[in-house]
Protein backbone atom coordinates (compact mmCIF):
# COMPACT_ATOMS: atom_id res chain seq x y z
CA MET A 1 0.00 0.00 0.00
CA ASN A 2 1.48 3.29 -1.09
CA PRO A 3 1.85 6.19 1.40
CA VAL A 4 -1.04 8.15 -0.06
CA SER A 5 -3.44 5.23 0.31
CA LEU A 6 -2.16 4.63 3.81
CA ARG A 7 -2.81 8.25 4.77
CA ILE A 8 -6.29 8.07 3.33
CA MET A 9 -6.98 4.85 5.17
CA LEU A 10 -5.74 6.35 8.41
CA ALA A 11 -7.91 9.39 7.82
CA ALA A 12 -10.91 7.08 7.64
CA VAL A 13 -9.95 4.76 10.48
CA VAL A 14 -8.90 7.38 13.03
CA PRO A 15 -12.34 9.15 13.15
CA VAL A 16 -14.04 5.79 13.54
CA PHE A 17 -11.70 4.86 16.36
CA MET A 18 -12.21 8.26 18.00
CA ALA A 19 -16.01 7.89 17.72
CA PHE A 20 -15.85 4.49 19.46
CA VAL A 21 -13.58 5.85 22.18
CA TYR A 22 -15.65 9.01 22.76
CA PHE A 23 -19.10 7.47 22.76
CA GLY A 24 -17.97 4.31 24.52
CA LEU A 25 -15.68 5.71 27.20
CA ILE A 26 -15.72 9.50 27.41
CA ALA A 27 -19.20 10.89 26.63
CA SER A 28 -21.05 11.95 29.80
CA ASP A 29 -24.52 10.66 30.51
CA ARG A 30 -27.31 13.13 29.88
CA TYR A 31 -30.66 12.79 31.65
CA VAL A 32 -33.79 14.01 29.90
CA SER A 33 -36.96 15.19 31.66
CA GLU A 34 -40.00 15.53 29.43
CA SER A 35 -43.35 17.28 29.91
CA SER A 36 -46.29 18.42 27.81
CA VAL A 37 -48.58 21.38 28.40
CA VAL A 38 -51.50 22.95 26.62
CA ILE A 39 -53.28 26.28 26.96
CA ARG A 40 -57.01 26.18 27.59
CA SER A 41 -59.60 28.94 27.84
CA GLY A 42 -62.92 29.45 29.61
CA GLY A 43 -64.77 29.43 26.26
CA GLY A 44 -64.11 27.50 23.10
CA ALA A 45 -61.72 29.31 20.78
CA SER A 46 -61.96 28.72 17.10
CA ALA A 47 -59.80 29.90 14.26
CA GLY A 48 -61.11 32.77 12.18
CA PHE A 49 -61.14 32.93 8.41
CA SER A 50 -60.25 35.56 5.88
CA LEU A 51 -60.77 36.02 2.14
CA GLY A 52 -64.27 34.57 2.20
CA GLY A 53 -63.32 31.75 4.57
CA LEU A 54 -60.53 30.38 2.34
CA LEU A 55 -57.57 31.15 4.60
CA PRO A 56 -57.62 30.25 8.31
CA LEU A 57 -56.41 32.88 10.72
CA PRO A 58 -54.56 31.89 13.91
CA SER A 59 -56.81 31.73 16.96
CA SER A 60 -56.01 33.56 20.18
CA GLY A 61 -55.16 30.16 21.71
CA SER A 62 -52.57 29.53 18.99
CA GLN A 63 -51.08 32.97 19.56
CA ASP A 64 -50.78 32.26 23.28
CA VAL A 65 -49.05 28.96 22.57
CA LEU A 66 -46.54 30.71 20.32
CA VAL A 67 -45.95 33.34 23.00
CA VAL A 68 -45.27 30.66 25.62
CA ALA A 69 -42.98 28.69 23.28
CA ASP A 70 -40.97 31.84 22.51
CA TYR A 71 -40.85 32.74 26.21
CA ILE A 72 -39.43 29.33 27.16
CA ALA A 73 -36.67 29.77 24.58
CA SER A 74 -36.02 33.39 25.56
CA ALA A 75 -32.92 34.89 27.17
CA GLU A 76 -35.09 36.01 30.08
CA MET A 77 -36.00 32.39 30.88
CA ALA A 78 -32.35 31.36 30.51
CA ALA A 79 -31.24 34.05 32.95
CA HIS A 80 -33.95 33.09 35.46
CA LEU A 81 -33.03 29.41 35.33
CA ASN A 82 -29.36 30.19 35.86
CA GLU A 83 -30.20 32.48 38.77
CA LYS A 84 -32.30 29.80 40.46
CA PHE A 85 -30.32 26.63 39.66
CA ASN A 86 -26.84 27.99 38.83
CA LEU A 87 -26.92 26.17 35.49
CA VAL A 88 -23.66 27.70 34.30
CA THR A 89 -21.84 25.88 37.08
CA HIS A 90 -23.77 22.67 36.42
CA TYR A 91 -23.14 22.58 32.68
CA SER A 92 -19.49 23.67 32.96
CA ASN A 93 -18.64 21.09 35.62
CA SER A 94 -15.23 19.58 35.00
CA ASP A 95 -16.67 16.08 35.48
CA VAL A 96 -18.60 16.55 32.23
CA ASP A 97 -16.76 15.51 29.08
CA PHE A 98 -14.98 18.27 27.20
CA VAL A 99 -17.27 18.03 24.16
CA SER A 100 -20.56 18.26 26.07
CA ARG A 101 -19.73 20.77 28.77
CA LEU A 102 -20.07 24.51 28.67
CA SER A 103 -16.84 26.44 28.58
CA ALA A 104 -15.80 27.76 31.96
CA SER A 105 -15.10 31.14 30.36
CA ALA A 106 -18.45 31.31 28.59
CA ASN A 107 -20.22 34.66 28.61
CA THR A 108 -23.95 35.27 28.76
CA GLU A 109 -24.43 34.85 25.01
CA ASP A 110 -22.45 31.58 25.00
CA TYR A 111 -24.54 30.24 27.88
CA TYR A 112 -27.77 31.22 26.12
CA GLU A 113 -26.69 29.56 22.87
CA TYR A 114 -25.58 26.42 24.77
CA LEU A 115 -28.91 26.23 26.59
CA GLN A 116 -30.78 26.13 23.27
CA GLY A 117 -29.27 22.70 22.74
CA MET A 118 -30.11 21.49 26.24
CA ILE A 119 -33.72 22.69 26.34
CA SER A 120 -35.93 21.98 23.36
CA VAL A 121 -39.50 23.18 22.83
CA VAL A 122 -41.71 21.52 20.24
CA TYR A 123 -45.03 23.10 19.26
CA GLU A 124 -47.64 20.95 17.52
CA GLU A 125 -49.88 23.20 15.44
CA THR A 126 -52.78 20.77 15.11
CA SER A 127 -53.19 20.02 18.82
CA GLU A 128 -51.54 23.22 20.15
CA ILE A 129 -49.49 21.10 22.55
CA ILE A 130 -46.11 22.29 23.79
CA SER A 131 -43.61 19.51 24.52
CA ILE A 132 -40.64 20.45 26.70
CA ARG A 133 -37.42 18.43 26.93
CA VAL A 134 -34.73 19.40 29.41
CA ARG A 135 -31.29 17.78 29.31
CA ALA A 136 -28.95 17.85 32.28
CA PHE A 137 -26.14 15.81 33.74
CA GLU A 138 -28.10 15.07 36.90
CA PRO A 139 -31.67 13.65 36.98
CA ARG A 140 -32.89 16.02 39.68
CA ILE A 141 -31.61 19.10 37.84
CA ALA A 142 -33.41 18.06 34.65
CA HIS A 143 -36.66 17.54 36.56
CA ASP A 144 -36.46 20.76 38.60
CA VAL A 145 -35.60 22.91 35.59
CA ASN A 146 -38.51 21.44 33.62
CA ARG A 147 -40.89 22.07 36.51
CA GLU A 148 -39.66 25.66 36.88
CA ILE A 149 -40.18 26.29 33.16
CA ILE A 150 -43.80 25.19 33.50
CA ALA A 151 -44.28 27.36 36.62
CA LYS A 152 -42.89 30.46 34.88
CA SER A 153 -44.97 29.76 31.76
CA GLU A 154 -48.09 29.46 33.92
CA GLU A 155 -47.22 32.76 35.58
CA LEU A 156 -46.89 34.38 32.16
CA ILE A 157 -50.29 33.04 31.03
CA ASN A 158 -51.90 34.30 34.24
CA GLN A 159 -50.44 37.76 33.65
CA LEU A 160 -51.68 37.80 30.06
CA SER A 161 -55.15 36.66 31.19
CA GLU A 162 -55.26 39.29 33.93
CA ARG A 163 -54.25 42.02 31.51
CA MET A 164 -56.86 40.85 29.00
CA ALA A 165 -59.53 40.81 31.71
CA GLN A 166 -58.59 44.32 32.82
CA ASP A 167 -58.78 45.55 29.24
CA THR A 168 -62.21 43.96 28.84
CA LEU A 169 -63.61 45.08 32.19
CA GLY A 170 -61.89 48.47 32.47
CA GLN A 171 -64.24 50.40 30.20
CA ALA A 172 -67.35 48.75 31.68
CA GLN A 173 -66.20 49.47 35.24
CA GLN A 174 -65.47 53.09 34.33
CA GLU A 175 -68.97 53.47 32.87
CA VAL A 176 -70.51 52.02 36.06
CA ARG A 177 -68.56 54.52 38.16
CA LEU A 178 -69.66 57.44 35.98
CA ALA A 179 -73.30 56.27 36.01
CA LEU A 180 -73.23 55.87 39.81
CA ASP A 181 -71.70 59.32 40.30
CA ASN A 182 -74.35 60.81 38.02
CA ALA A 183 -77.16 59.03 39.92
CA LYS A 184 -75.78 60.30 43.24
CA ASP A 185 -75.54 63.85 41.90
CA VAL A 186 -79.16 63.82 40.68
CA SER A 187 -80.34 62.33 44.00
CA THR A 188 -78.51 65.08 45.90
CA ARG A 189 -80.12 67.78 43.77
CA LEU A 190 -83.54 66.24 44.32
CA SER A 191 -83.04 66.29 48.10
CA THR A 192 -81.73 69.87 48.02
CA PHE A 193 -84.69 71.01 45.93
CA ALA A 194 -87.16 69.37 48.32
CA LEU A 195 -85.53 70.98 51.37
CA ASP A 196 -85.38 74.41 49.73
CA ASN A 197 -89.12 74.23 48.97
CA ASN A 198 -90.20 72.65 52.28
CA ALA A 199 -91.57 69.63 50.46
CA LEU A 200 -90.54 66.08 51.13
CA ASP A 201 -91.83 65.05 47.71
CA PRO A 202 -93.31 67.82 45.53
CA GLY A 203 -94.82 65.25 43.22
CA VAL A 204 -96.74 63.50 46.01
CA GLU A 205 -97.81 66.78 47.59
CA THR A 206 -99.02 68.17 44.27
CA SER A 207 -101.00 65.00 43.62
CA SER A 208 -102.47 65.29 47.10
CA ILE A 209 -103.58 68.89 46.44
CA PHE A 210 -105.15 67.85 43.15
CA GLY A 211 -106.99 65.12 45.03
CA VAL A 212 -108.26 67.54 47.68
CA ILE A 213 -109.40 70.01 45.00
CA GLY A 214 -111.19 67.27 43.12
CA THR A 215 -112.96 66.08 46.28
CA MET A 216 -113.98 69.61 47.25
CA GLU A 217 -115.26 70.38 43.75
CA GLY A 218 -117.38 67.26 43.95
CA LYS A 219 -118.81 68.33 47.31
CA LEU A 220 -119.40 71.86 46.01
CA SER A 221 -121.33 70.49 43.04
CA GLU A 222 -123.44 68.39 45.37
CA ALA A 223 -124.14 71.40 47.60
CA LYS A 224 -125.16 73.55 44.61
CA ALA A 225 -127.41 70.82 43.32
CA LEU A 226 -129.02 70.54 46.75
CA TYR A 227 -129.48 74.32 46.82
CA SER A 228 -131.24 74.27 43.44
CA GLU A 229 -133.48 71.47 44.60
CA LYS A 230 -134.43 73.09 47.93
CA SER A 231 -134.91 76.58 46.47
CA ALA A 232 -137.95 75.32 44.59
CA TYR A 233 -140.01 75.04 47.76
CA LEU A 234 -138.03 76.79 50.53
CA ARG A 235 -137.51 80.45 51.18
CA GLU A 236 -134.01 81.93 51.18
CA SER A 237 -134.47 82.97 54.75
CA SER A 238 -135.21 79.44 55.96
CA THR A 239 -132.76 77.76 58.28
CA GLU A 240 -132.04 74.90 55.87
CA MET A 241 -131.36 77.24 52.93
CA ARG A 242 -129.04 79.38 55.04
CA ALA A 243 -127.13 76.22 56.07
CA ILE A 244 -126.79 75.17 52.45
CA ASN A 245 -125.54 78.64 51.50
CA ASN A 246 -123.03 78.59 54.33
CA ARG A 247 -121.81 75.19 53.18
CA ILE A 248 -121.41 76.42 49.58
CA ALA A 249 -119.52 79.53 50.76
CA GLY A 250 -117.23 77.48 52.98
CA LEU A 251 -116.46 75.02 50.20
CA GLN A 252 -115.75 77.85 47.76
CA GLN A 253 -113.45 79.56 50.25
CA GLN A 254 -111.55 76.36 51.00
CA LEU A 255 -111.37 75.54 47.31
CA SER A 256 -109.90 78.97 46.63
CA LEU A 257 -107.23 78.41 49.29
CA GLU A 258 -106.28 75.02 47.86
CA ARG A 259 -106.04 76.47 44.37
CA LYS A 260 -103.78 79.22 45.69
CA ARG A 261 -101.60 76.55 47.26
CA LEU A 262 -101.34 74.97 43.83
CA ALA A 263 -100.81 78.21 41.91
CA ASN A 264 -100.60 81.83 42.96
CA PRO A 265 -99.56 85.11 41.34
CA SER A 266 -96.23 85.17 43.22
CA GLY A 267 -95.18 81.97 41.41
CA ASP A 268 -94.30 79.95 44.52
CA GLY A 269 -97.32 77.65 44.49
CA MET A 270 -96.93 73.90 44.63
CA GLY A 271 -97.83 73.67 40.94
CA GLN A 272 -94.89 75.87 40.00
CA VAL A 273 -92.68 73.93 42.41
CA PHE A 274 -93.72 70.70 40.78
CA GLU A 275 -93.07 72.09 37.28
CA ASN A 276 -89.52 72.93 38.36
CA TYR A 277 -89.28 69.54 40.01
CA LYS A 278 -90.31 67.50 36.97
CA PRO A 279 -86.99 67.97 35.02
CA LEU A 280 -85.14 66.61 38.03
CA LEU A 281 -87.46 63.60 38.06
CA VAL A 282 -86.69 62.99 34.39
CA GLU A 283 -82.95 63.24 35.11
CA ASP A 284 -83.35 60.84 38.01
CA GLU A 285 -85.13 58.27 35.84
CA LEU A 286 -82.50 58.58 33.11
CA ALA A 287 -79.73 58.24 35.69
CA ARG A 288 -81.33 55.06 37.04
CA GLN A 289 -81.67 53.60 33.55
CA ARG A 290 -78.08 54.50 32.71
CA TYR A 291 -76.84 52.87 35.91
CA ALA A 292 -78.87 49.71 35.23
CA ALA A 293 -77.52 49.54 31.67
CA ALA A 294 -73.94 50.03 32.93
CA LEU A 295 -74.38 47.18 35.42
CA ALA A 296 -75.72 44.92 32.67
CA SER A 297 -72.75 45.81 30.46
CA LEU A 298 -70.37 45.07 33.33
CA GLU A 299 -71.89 41.63 33.86
CA ALA A 300 -71.62 40.93 30.14
CA ALA A 301 -67.98 42.06 30.19
CA ARG A 302 -67.29 39.78 33.17
CA ALA A 303 -68.80 36.81 31.33
CA GLU A 304 -66.74 37.65 28.25
CA SER A 305 -63.54 37.97 30.29
CA GLN A 306 -64.19 34.55 31.83
CA GLN A 307 -64.58 33.06 28.37
CA LYS A 308 -61.31 34.67 27.29
CA LYS A 309 -59.44 33.60 30.41
CA ARG A 310 -56.45 31.37 29.68
CA TYR A 311 -54.78 28.81 31.87
CA LEU A 312 -51.89 26.42 31.41
CA ALA A 313 -52.83 22.75 31.74
CA THR A 314 -50.06 20.20 32.33
CA PHE A 315 -51.16 16.78 31.14
CA VAL A 316 -47.68 15.19 31.16
CA ASN A 317 -45.84 16.19 34.34
CA PRO A 318 -42.03 16.46 34.33
CA ASN A 319 -40.50 13.09 35.08
CA ILE A 320 -37.41 12.36 37.16
CA PRO A 321 -35.18 10.32 34.82
CA THR A 322 -34.04 7.02 36.33
CA SER A 323 -31.41 6.41 33.66
CA SER A 324 -29.62 8.39 31.01
CA THR A 325 -31.14 8.35 27.55
CA GLU A 326 -28.51 10.50 25.85
CA PRO A 327 -26.21 10.06 24.15
CA ASP A 328 -27.39 6.92 22.39
CA ARG A 329 -23.88 5.54 22.30
CA PHE A 330 -24.39 2.73 19.81
CA THR A 331 -26.53 4.75 17.40
CA ASP A 332 -24.27 7.80 17.58
CA ALA A 333 -21.16 5.68 17.05
CA ILE A 334 -22.69 3.91 14.04
CA SER A 335 -23.79 7.29 12.65
CA ALA A 336 -20.24 8.62 13.02
CA ILE A 337 -18.86 5.54 11.21
CA LEU A 338 -21.36 5.87 8.38
CA VAL A 339 -20.61 9.55 7.95
CA THR A 340 -16.87 8.84 7.96
CA LEU A 341 -17.23 6.05 5.41
CA LEU A 342 -19.42 8.25 3.25
CA LEU A 343 -16.85 11.05 3.31
CA TYR A 344 -14.11 8.53 2.61
CA ALA A 345 -16.04 7.14 -0.37
CA ILE A 346 -16.68 10.62 -1.75
CA PHE A 347 -13.01 11.51 -1.38
CA ALA A 348 -11.86 8.23 -2.96
CA LEU A 349 -14.21 8.64 -5.92
CA SER A 350 -13.15 12.24 -6.40
CA ARG A 351 -9.47 11.25 -6.25
CA ALA A 352 -9.99 8.47 -8.76
CA ALA A 353 -11.85 10.78 -11.09
CA VAL A 354 -9.09 13.38 -10.92
CA ARG A 355 -6.37 10.77 -11.58
CA GLU A 356 -8.29 9.35 -14.55
CA HIS A 357 -8.69 12.84 -15.94
CA ILE A 358 -4.94 13.50 -15.58
CA ASP A 359 -4.02 10.16 -17.20
CA PHE A 360 -6.44 10.87 -20.04
CA ALA A 361 -4.92 14.31 -20.57
CA THR A 362 -1.41 12.97 -20.73
């Protein structure tokens, strides 16, 4: 075997040997904790459609899932996990093999990039399920980090739901406050008006005066009818006729007083008071209706906010790995051999083609 062939053979054999040595003797065990979560809402969420229903639009649930998936893979999550579990120290431990461990001099960006390979997030569009896989060199660390990711994601969803509820309820609550303030203001003006005019309820008192006047007019008509009847056969000077006249005069005098109570030239009669009171009554009724409508709108907004409320449901809890599942030493070693042989074959074919071309040219 000539030196060139020997070098090529060594170039193919050495990587295979190194792959067997690394995966068989050196590679550190990695423990994987898996979990699956899904975002649910108080009401069913369906995807919308655009362009006449031809193109589906992402639902709010899908948007929330994307937000959570991005948050798990964010630098903020990476910083929080390092602060709580000191992951930089864990992943850069000298007991970890030199290929798998994080560099001891790694900066924040290096740590964040390294963590992308240790924590994977898979989002299934059809079921809107988020699958989380956390790799660590200790089973407990993998489990605790996975559980903390779920806790922080749930906290994020709760914040988003609370903000959405406040946006939905804020306007309705403001309208209720304005309607209540308006109703209180009108009620205060009604009370002030009644006190200023020495009337507990001008409407009731006016109705009472109308009732008294109506009763007295009825009695006066009866007395006049009796007078006409008796005058046919009694003298004016008779005792009974004088009594009837006195009754008619008394009723007329009392009726005049009641009418003056209702309306008088000075303009302070109960009729005028009631006329000034009626606009306040109208305002009071409108204020009550506005307040009732605002309360109904608030209840509708509350129901809507409950339907829009989101919560994170964990249907596969993070497991504590009992054995390492990565690396798959046999599979990875075979893959390395196949790749090496493939590269060797490509190189050998290319070399043969070049040599044949040179021989043909000469």
